[in-house]
């Protein structure tokens, strides 16, 4: 019987004993949504980097022309990097190439989670596929659903996303043990419209002000991508 807990922000990973646990990292607007979209649209892998300097160092290990470099710092696209939102990335020619990707929160959360038994990057987009895989592969392990948040702050859209995962986990593993944080996230998800929540969240409002409503709407879609993104070494790869 799995135990399911939701962490409200990535900084809570610092006090977790991760050995033997399964971590599902969420950054709905937009890091993990972009990662899932990239892999679903032909990227051969995604290398998450904690900052732009690390991303440039990773890129130097790859053949010229074999990668796309994308990232932001505090919501501003890094100089020389491709804009990091999902639909922008899909226009960047990802097919057959590796995405080297750096964000302020999501890729940092993935780096913090590396001590876990298994780490997944997930989003509303691929929630059903991820839940089914995790329950099949890890039926009795502790599952930590990690909201990336923003610079040590709680983010509404990530908590909503966590609630969708909890709702799916309850549907497929009714005997699971859910913590109060997990139940709270589930209640938020089950009684609210996803697109409205994302648009009303602080990051969503910022994206709307920048004319990126189509990006927010894309990230709000639920279980439309049948793909699981698992961290293997330094790279997120689709599970086959």
C-alpha atoms as a PDB file:
ATOM      1  CA  UNK A   1       0.000   0.000   0.000  1.00  0.00           C
ATOM      2  CA  UNK A   2       1.665   3.268  -1.090  1.00  0.00           C
ATOM      3  CA  UNK A   3       1.773   6.337   1.128  1.00  0.00           C
ATOM      4  CA  UNK A   4       1.173   9.545  -0.800  1.00  0.00           C
ATOM      5  CA  UNK A   5       2.368  12.940   0.398  1.00  0.00           C
ATOM      6  CA  UNK A   6       2.378  16.364  -1.257  1.00  0.00           C
ATOM      7  CA  UNK A   7       5.246  18.784  -0.625  1.00  0.00           C
ATOM      8  CA  UNK A   8       4.115  22.391  -0.990  1.00  0.00           C
ATOM      9  CA  UNK A   9       7.415  23.678  -2.397  1.00  0.00           C
ATOM     10  CA  UNK A  10      10.741  22.240  -3.533  1.00  0.00           C
ATOM     11  CA  UNK A  11      12.554  23.555  -0.460  1.00  0.00           C
ATOM     12  CA  UNK A  12      10.750  20.908   1.616  1.00  0.00           C
ATOM     13  CA  UNK A  13      12.881  18.307  -0.178  1.00  0.00           C
ATOM     14  CA  UNK A  14      15.849  19.552   1.855  1.00  0.00           C
ATOM     15  CA  UNK A  15      14.480  17.916   5.016  1.00  0.00           C
ATOM     16  CA  UNK A  16      13.249  14.706   3.400  1.00  0.00           C
ATOM     17  CA  UNK A  17      15.036  11.375   3.520  1.00  0.00           C
ATOM     18  CA  UNK A  18      14.682  10.452  -0.135  1.00  0.00           C
ATOM     19  CA  UNK A  19      16.312   7.037  -0.206  1.00  0.00           C
ATOM     20  CA  UNK A  20      13.831   4.432  -1.426  1.00  0.00           C
ATOM     21  CA  UNK A  21      11.106   6.987  -2.188  1.00  0.00           C
ATOM     22  CA  UNK A  22       9.488   7.925  -5.479  1.00  0.00           C
ATOM     23  CA  UNK A  23       9.387  11.626  -6.363  1.00  0.00           C
ATOM     24  CA  UNK A  24       7.040  13.179  -8.910  1.00  0.00           C
ATOM     25  CA  UNK A  25       8.076  16.768  -9.634  1.00  0.00           C
ATOM     26  CA  UNK A  26       5.466  19.265 -10.832  1.00  0.00           C
ATOM     27  CA  UNK A  27       6.040  22.737 -12.234  1.00  0.00           C
ATOM     28  CA  UNK A  28       2.823  23.293 -14.139  1.00  0.00           C
ATOM     29  CA  UNK A  29       3.722  26.826 -15.338  1.00  0.00           C
ATOM     30  CA  UNK A  30       5.861  25.756 -17.019  1.00  0.00           C
ATOM     31  CA  UNK A  31       8.963  23.628 -16.562  1.00  0.00           C
ATOM     32  CA  UNK A  32       7.550  20.124 -16.309  1.00  0.00           C
ATOM     33  CA  UNK A  33       4.765  20.917 -18.781  1.00  0.00           C
ATOM     34  CA  UNK A  34       7.457  22.015 -21.239  1.00  0.00           C
ATOM     35  CA  UNK A  35       9.543  18.895 -20.553  1.00  0.00           C
ATOM     36  CA  UNK A  36       6.598  16.576 -21.191  1.00  0.00           C
ATOM     37  CA  UNK A  37       5.614  18.481 -24.336  1.00  0.00           C
ATOM     38  CA  UNK A  38       9.185  18.367 -25.648  1.00  0.00           C
ATOM     39  CA  UNK A  39       9.530  14.614 -25.178  1.00  0.00           C
ATOM     40  CA  UNK A  40       6.101  14.004 -26.695  1.00  0.00           C
ATOM     41  CA  UNK A  41       7.079  15.990 -29.772  1.00  0.00           C
ATOM     42  CA  UNK A  42      10.329  14.334 -30.738  1.00  0.00           C
ATOM     43  CA  UNK A  43      13.014  15.463 -28.303  1.00  0.00           C
ATOM     44  CA  UNK A  44      15.270  12.472 -27.593  1.00  0.00           C
ATOM     45  CA  UNK A  45      15.849  13.600 -24.011  1.00  0.00           C
ATOM     46  CA  UNK A  46      15.838  16.583 -21.664  1.00  0.00           C
ATOM     47  CA  UNK A  47      18.817  17.554 -19.547  1.00  0.00           C
ATOM     48  CA  UNK A  48      17.544  19.652 -16.622  1.00  0.00           C
ATOM     49  CA  UNK A  49      20.045  22.169 -15.277  1.00  0.00           C
ATOM     50  CA  UNK A  50      19.684  24.199 -12.063  1.00  0.00           C
ATOM     51  CA  UNK A  51      20.782  27.453 -13.708  1.00  0.00           C
ATOM     52  CA  UNK A  52      21.960  28.967 -16.975  1.00  0.00           C
ATOM     53  CA  UNK A  53      25.650  28.442 -16.260  1.00  0.00           C
ATOM     54  CA  UNK A  54      25.095  24.743 -15.641  1.00  0.00           C
ATOM     55  CA  UNK A  55      22.980  24.508 -18.796  1.00  0.00           C
ATOM     56  CA  UNK A  56      25.765  26.011 -20.894  1.00  0.00           C
ATOM     57  CA  UNK A  57      28.231  23.557 -19.369  1.00  0.00           C
ATOM     58  CA  UNK A  58      25.934  20.644 -20.223  1.00  0.00           C
ATOM     59  CA  UNK A  59      25.502  21.926 -23.766  1.00  0.00           C
ATOM     60  CA  UNK A  60      29.274  21.943 -24.265  1.00  0.00           C
ATOM     61  CA  UNK A  61      29.293  18.160 -23.813  1.00  0.00           C
ATOM     62  CA  UNK A  62      26.949  17.694 -26.801  1.00  0.00           C
ATOM     63  CA  UNK A  63      27.590  17.818 -30.528  1.00  0.00           C
ATOM     64  CA  UNK A  64      26.826  21.188 -32.177  1.00  0.00           C
ATOM     65  CA  UNK A  65      23.361  21.142 -33.703  1.00  0.00           C
ATOM     66  CA  UNK A  66      22.239  18.152 -31.623  1.00  0.00           C
ATOM     67  CA  UNK A  67      20.524  20.178 -28.915  1.00  0.00           C
ATOM     68  CA  UNK A  68      18.203  23.083 -28.170  1.00  0.00           C
ATOM     69  CA  UNK A  69      19.159  25.374 -25.282  1.00  0.00           C
ATOM     70  CA  UNK A  70      16.202  26.845 -23.422  1.00  0.00           C
ATOM     71  CA  UNK A  71      15.694  28.532 -20.093  1.00  0.00           C
ATOM     72  CA  UNK A  72      14.646  31.411 -17.894  1.00  0.00           C
ATOM     73  CA  UNK A  73      15.631  33.111 -14.673  1.00  0.00           C
ATOM     74  CA  UNK A  74      12.834  34.703 -12.639  1.00  0.00           C
ATOM     75  CA  UNK A  75      10.513  34.463 -15.672  1.00  0.00           C
ATOM     76  CA  UNK A  76      12.885  36.274 -18.052  1.00  0.00           C
ATOM     77  CA  UNK A  77      14.289  34.235 -20.936  1.00  0.00           C
ATOM     78  CA  UNK A  78      18.049  33.817 -20.603  1.00  0.00           C
ATOM     79  CA  UNK A  79      20.123  35.581 -23.289  1.00  0.00           C
ATOM     80  CA  UNK A  80      20.768  33.264 -26.206  1.00  0.00           C
ATOM     81  CA  UNK A  81      18.282  30.682 -24.918  1.00  0.00           C
ATOM     82  CA  UNK A  82      14.955  29.689 -26.488  1.00  0.00           C
ATOM     83  CA  UNK A  83      11.857  30.874 -24.622  1.00  0.00           C
ATOM     84  CA  UNK A  84      11.018  28.014 -22.221  1.00  0.00           C
ATOM     85  CA  UNK A  85       7.227  27.674 -22.468  1.00  0.00           C
ATOM     86  CA  UNK A  86       5.706  24.592 -24.134  1.00  0.00           C
ATOM     87  CA  UNK A  87       4.323  25.979 -27.385  1.00  0.00           C
ATOM     88  CA  UNK A  88       7.393  28.140 -27.993  1.00  0.00           C
ATOM     89  CA  UNK A  89       9.580  25.081 -27.575  1.00  0.00           C
ATOM     90  CA  UNK A  90       7.513  23.046 -30.004  1.00  0.00           C
ATOM     91  CA  UNK A  91       8.365  25.609 -32.683  1.00  0.00           C
ATOM     92  CA  UNK A  92      12.099  25.311 -31.969  1.00  0.00           C
ATOM     93  CA  UNK A  93      12.797  22.164 -33.982  1.00  0.00           C
ATOM     94  CA  UNK A  94      13.139  19.616 -31.186  1.00  0.00           C
ATOM     95  CA  UNK A  95      12.709  16.440 -33.238  1.00  0.00           C
ATOM     96  CA  UNK A  96      15.750  14.205 -32.854  1.00  0.00           C
ATOM     97  CA  UNK A  97      17.524  16.673 -30.574  1.00  0.00           C
ATOM     98  CA  UNK A  98      18.216  16.974 -26.849  1.00  0.00           C
ATOM     99  CA  UNK A  99      16.650  19.807 -24.889  1.00  0.00           C
ATOM    100  CA  UNK A 100      19.066  21.401 -22.414  1.00  0.00           C
ATOM    101  CA  UNK A 101      16.734  23.192 -20.064  1.00  0.00           C
ATOM    102  CA  UNK A 102      17.133  25.556 -17.118  1.00  0.00           C
ATOM    103  CA  UNK A 103      14.425  27.221 -15.041  1.00  0.00           C
ATOM    104  CA  UNK A 104      14.232  29.056 -11.743  1.00  0.00           C
ATOM    105  CA  UNK A 105      12.155  26.404 -10.000  1.00  0.00           C
ATOM    106  CA  UNK A 106      11.251  23.207 -11.863  1.00  0.00           C
ATOM    107  CA  UNK A 107      14.723  22.101 -12.883  1.00  0.00           C
ATOM    108  CA  UNK A 108      16.009  23.042  -9.422  1.00  0.00           C
ATOM    109  CA  UNK A 109      13.362  20.774  -7.904  1.00  0.00           C
ATOM    110  CA  UNK A 110      14.488  17.941 -10.164  1.00  0.00           C
ATOM    111  CA  UNK A 111      18.081  18.456  -9.047  1.00  0.00           C
ATOM    112  CA  UNK A 112      17.045  18.403  -5.375  1.00  0.00           C
ATOM    113  CA  UNK A 113      15.164  15.129  -5.910  1.00  0.00           C
ATOM    114  CA  UNK A 114      18.110  13.156  -7.285  1.00  0.00           C
ATOM    115  CA  UNK A 115      18.612  11.184  -4.079  1.00  0.00           C
ATOM    116  CA  UNK A 116      15.280   9.393  -4.496  1.00  0.00           C
ATOM    117  CA  UNK A 117      14.902   5.859  -5.825  1.00  0.00           C
ATOM    118  CA  UNK A 118      13.078   7.179  -8.899  1.00  0.00           C
ATOM    119  CA  UNK A 119      12.351  10.699 -10.095  1.00  0.00           C
ATOM    120  CA  UNK A 120       9.683  11.685 -12.622  1.00  0.00           C
ATOM    121  CA  UNK A 121       8.919  14.999 -14.290  1.00  0.00           C
ATOM    122  CA  UNK A 122       5.169  15.247 -14.716  1.00  0.00           C
ATOM    123  CA  UNK A 123       2.372  17.662 -15.503  1.00  0.00           C
ATOM    124  CA  UNK A 124      -1.377  17.764 -15.906  1.00  0.00           C
ATOM    125  CA  UNK A 125      -0.661  16.779 -19.507  1.00  0.00           C
ATOM    126  CA  UNK A 126       0.617  13.275 -18.695  1.00  0.00           C
ATOM    127  CA  UNK A 127      -0.802  12.622 -15.246  1.00  0.00           C
ATOM    128  CA  UNK A 128      -2.748   9.453 -16.062  1.00  0.00           C
ATOM    129  CA  UNK A 129       0.212   7.798 -17.796  1.00  0.00           C
ATOM    130  CA  UNK A 130       2.541   8.722 -14.935  1.00  0.00           C
ATOM    131  CA  UNK A 131       0.206   7.462 -12.210  1.00  0.00           C
ATOM    132  CA  UNK A 132      -0.370   4.137 -13.948  1.00  0.00           C
ATOM    133  CA  UNK A 133       3.375   3.642 -14.403  1.00  0.00           C
ATOM    134  CA  UNK A 134       4.267   4.596 -10.843  1.00  0.00           C
ATOM    135  CA  UNK A 135       1.674   2.280  -9.335  1.00  0.00           C
ATOM    136  CA  UNK A 136       2.788  -0.591 -11.552  1.00  0.00           C
ATOM    137  CA  UNK A 137       6.490  -0.070 -10.884  1.00  0.00           C
ATOM    138  CA  UNK A 138       6.313   1.110  -7.249  1.00  0.00           C
ATOM    139  CA  UNK A 139       3.165  -0.417  -5.700  1.00  0.00           C
ATOM    140  CA  UNK A 140       4.348  -0.184  -2.085  1.00  0.00           C
ATOM    141  CA  UNK A 141       6.766   2.749  -1.969  1.00  0.00           C
ATOM    142  CA  UNK A 142       6.311   6.213  -0.511  1.00  0.00           C
ATOM    143  CA  UNK A 143       5.297   8.649  -3.246  1.00  0.00           C
ATOM    144  CA  UNK A 144       6.238  12.305  -2.824  1.00  0.00           C
ATOM    145  CA  UNK A 145       4.417  14.669  -5.161  1.00  0.00           C
ATOM    146  CA  UNK A 146       6.571  17.797  -5.163  1.00  0.00           C
ATOM    147  CA  UNK A 147       5.164  21.220  -6.018  1.00  0.00           C
ATOM    148  CA  UNK A 148       8.120  23.248  -7.280  1.00  0.00           C
ATOM    149  CA  UNK A 149       6.731  26.569  -6.102  1.00  0.00           C
ATOM    150  CA  UNK A 150       8.548  29.844  -6.701  1.00  0.00           C
ATOM    151  CA  UNK A 151      11.660  30.818  -4.760  1.00  0.00           C
ATOM    152  CA  UNK A 152      10.520  29.247  -1.466  1.00  0.00           C
ATOM    153  CA  UNK A 153       6.901  30.306  -1.999  1.00  0.00           C
ATOM    154  CA  UNK A 154       3.742  28.243  -2.499  1.00  0.00           C
ATOM    155  CA  UNK A 155       2.277  28.180  -6.033  1.00  0.00           C
ATOM    156  CA  UNK A 156      -1.432  27.541  -6.530  1.00  0.00           C
ATOM    157  CA  UNK A 157      -1.109  25.904  -9.942  1.00  0.00           C
ATOM    158  CA  UNK A 158       1.346  23.285  -8.701  1.00  0.00           C
ATOM    159  CA  UNK A 159      -0.893  22.443  -5.745  1.00  0.00           C
ATOM    160  CA  UNK A 160      -3.834  22.059  -8.120  1.00  0.00           C
ATOM    161  CA  UNK A 161      -1.718  19.749 -10.273  1.00  0.00           C
ATOM    162  CA  UNK A 162      -0.768  17.711  -7.227  1.00  0.00           C
ATOM    163  CA  UNK A 163      -4.468  17.353  -6.474  1.00  0.00           C
ATOM    164  CA  UNK A 164      -5.073  15.829  -9.888  1.00  0.00           C
ATOM    165  CA  UNK A 165      -2.373  13.247  -9.219  1.00  0.00           C
ATOM    166  CA  UNK A 166      -3.861  12.450  -5.809  1.00  0.00           C
ATOM    167  CA  UNK A 167      -7.306  12.074  -7.363  1.00  0.00           C
ATOM    168  CA  UNK A 168      -5.933   9.647  -9.948  1.00  0.00           C
ATOM    169  CA  UNK A 169      -3.964   7.725  -7.339  1.00  0.00           C
ATOM    170  CA  UNK A 170      -7.107   7.323  -5.236  1.00  0.00           C
ATOM    171  CA  UNK A 171      -8.995   6.088  -8.303  1.00  0.00           C
ATOM    172  CA  UNK A 172      -6.350   3.475  -9.128  1.00  0.00           C
ATOM    173  CA  UNK A 173      -5.167   2.619  -5.597  1.00  0.00           C
ATOM    174  CA  UNK A 174      -8.055   3.203  -3.238  1.00  0.00           C
ATOM    175  CA  UNK A 175      -6.152   1.591  -0.357  1.00  0.00           C
ATOM    176  CA  UNK A 176      -3.316   4.125  -0.494  1.00  0.00           C
ATOM    177  CA  UNK A 177      -2.549   6.217   2.586  1.00  0.00           C
ATOM    178  CA  UNK A 178      -2.958   9.923   1.807  1.00  0.00           C
ATOM    179  CA  UNK A 179      -1.596  12.669   4.060  1.00  0.00           C
ATOM    180  CA  UNK A 180      -3.610  15.759   4.895  1.00  0.00           C
ATOM    181  CA  UNK A 181      -1.647  17.839   2.384  1.00  0.00           C
ATOM    182  CA  UNK A 182      -2.498  15.304  -0.308  1.00  0.00           C
ATOM    183  CA  UNK A 183      -6.190  15.370   0.609  1.00  0.00           C
ATOM    184  CA  UNK A 184      -6.230  19.181   0.595  1.00  0.00           C
ATOM    185  CA  UNK A 185      -4.731  19.225  -2.901  1.00  0.00           C
ATOM    186  CA  UNK A 186      -7.267  16.638  -4.055  1.00  0.00           C
ATOM    187  CA  UNK A 187     -10.162  18.743  -2.786  1.00  0.00           C
ATOM    188  CA  UNK A 188      -8.842  21.808  -4.601  1.00  0.00           C
ATOM    189  CA  UNK A 189      -8.599  19.885  -7.854  1.00  0.00           C
ATOM    190  CA  UNK A 190     -11.895  18.057  -7.645  1.00  0.00           C
ATOM    191  CA  UNK A 191     -13.985  21.155  -6.931  1.00  0.00           C
ATOM    192  CA  UNK A 192     -12.451  23.675  -9.322  1.00  0.00           C
ATOM    193  CA  UNK A 193     -11.874  24.243 -13.033  1.00  0.00           C
ATOM    194  CA  UNK A 194      -8.232  23.790 -13.968  1.00  0.00           C
ATOM    195  CA  UNK A 195      -7.928  26.577 -16.500  1.00  0.00           C
ATOM    196  CA  UNK A 196      -9.584  29.045 -14.136  1.00  0.00           C
ATOM    197  CA  UNK A 197      -7.202  28.055 -11.332  1.00  0.00           C
ATOM    198  CA  UNK A 198      -4.146  28.432 -13.562  1.00  0.00           C
ATOM    199  CA  UNK A 199      -5.305  31.798 -14.867  1.00  0.00           C
ATOM    200  CA  UNK A 200      -6.000  33.116 -11.345  1.00  0.00           C
ATOM    201  CA  UNK A 201      -2.692  31.894  -9.880  1.00  0.00           C
ATOM    202  CA  UNK A 202       0.086  34.481  -9.522  1.00  0.00           C
ATOM    203  CA  UNK A 203       2.243  32.967 -12.270  1.00  0.00           C
ATOM    204  CA  UNK A 204      -0.794  32.525 -14.499  1.00  0.00           C
ATOM    205  CA  UNK A 205      -1.725  36.186 -14.109  1.00  0.00           C
ATOM    206  CA  UNK A 206       1.826  37.146 -14.989  1.00  0.00           C
ATOM    207  CA  UNK A 207       1.716  34.969 -18.106  1.00  0.00           C
ATOM    208  CA  UNK A 208      -1.628  36.447 -19.176  1.00  0.00           C
ATOM    209  CA  UNK A 209      -0.174  39.951 -18.788  1.00  0.00           C
ATOM    210  CA  UNK A 210       2.612  38.886 -21.165  1.00  0.00           C
ATOM    211  CA  UNK A 211       0.163  37.641 -23.785  1.00  0.00           C
ATOM    212  CA  UNK A 212       0.805  33.941 -23.088  1.00  0.00           C
ATOM    213  CA  UNK A 213      -2.769  32.782 -22.491  1.00  0.00           C
ATOM    214  CA  UNK A 214      -2.409  30.012 -25.096  1.00  0.00           C
ATOM    215  CA  UNK A 215       0.535  28.624 -23.131  1.00  0.00           C
ATOM    216  CA  UNK A 216      -1.493  28.587 -19.918  1.00  0.00           C
ATOM    217  CA  UNK A 217      -4.411  26.902 -21.706  1.00  0.00           C
ATOM    218  CA  UNK A 218      -2.057  24.264 -23.110  1.00  0.00           C
ATOM    219  CA  UNK A 219      -0.632  23.473 -19.663  1.00  0.00           C
ATOM    220  CA  UNK A 220      -4.153  23.169 -18.203  1.00  0.00           C
ATOM    221  CA  UNK A 221      -5.072  20.165 -20.376  1.00  0.00           C
ATOM    222  CA  UNK A 222      -5.344  16.918 -18.445  1.00  0.00           C
ATOM    223  CA  UNK A 223      -3.955  13.506 -19.472  1.00  0.00           C
ATOM    224  CA  UNK A 224      -3.764  14.256 -23.184  1.00  0.00           C
ATOM    225  CA  UNK A 225      -0.204  12.902 -23.543  1.00  0.00           C
ATOM    226  CA  UNK A 226       0.560   9.216 -23.074  1.00  0.00           C
ATOM    227  CA  UNK A 227       4.172   9.556 -21.942  1.00  0.00           C
ATOM    228  CA  UNK A 228       6.179   9.065 -18.760  1.00  0.00           C
ATOM    229  CA  UNK A 229       9.347  11.127 -18.206  1.00  0.00           C
ATOM    230  CA  UNK A 230      11.846   9.448 -15.866  1.00  0.00           C
ATOM    231  CA  UNK A 231      15.222  10.790 -14.738  1.00  0.00           C
ATOM    232  CA  UNK A 232      18.024   8.471 -15.784  1.00  0.00           C
ATOM    233  CA  UNK A 233      21.441   9.791 -14.828  1.00  0.00           C
ATOM    234  CA  UNK A 234      21.558  13.410 -15.929  1.00  0.00           C
ATOM    235  CA  UNK A 235      18.736  13.124 -18.447  1.00  0.00           C
ATOM    236  CA  UNK A 236      14.951  12.832 -18.483  1.00  0.00           C
ATOM    237  CA  UNK A 237      13.942  10.147 -20.944  1.00  0.00           C
ATOM    238  CA  UNK A 238      10.575   8.754 -22.037  1.00  0.00           C
ATOM    239  CA  UNK A 239       9.811   5.390 -20.460  1.00  0.00           C
ATOM    240  CA  UNK A 240       9.433   2.726 -23.131  1.00  0.00           C
END
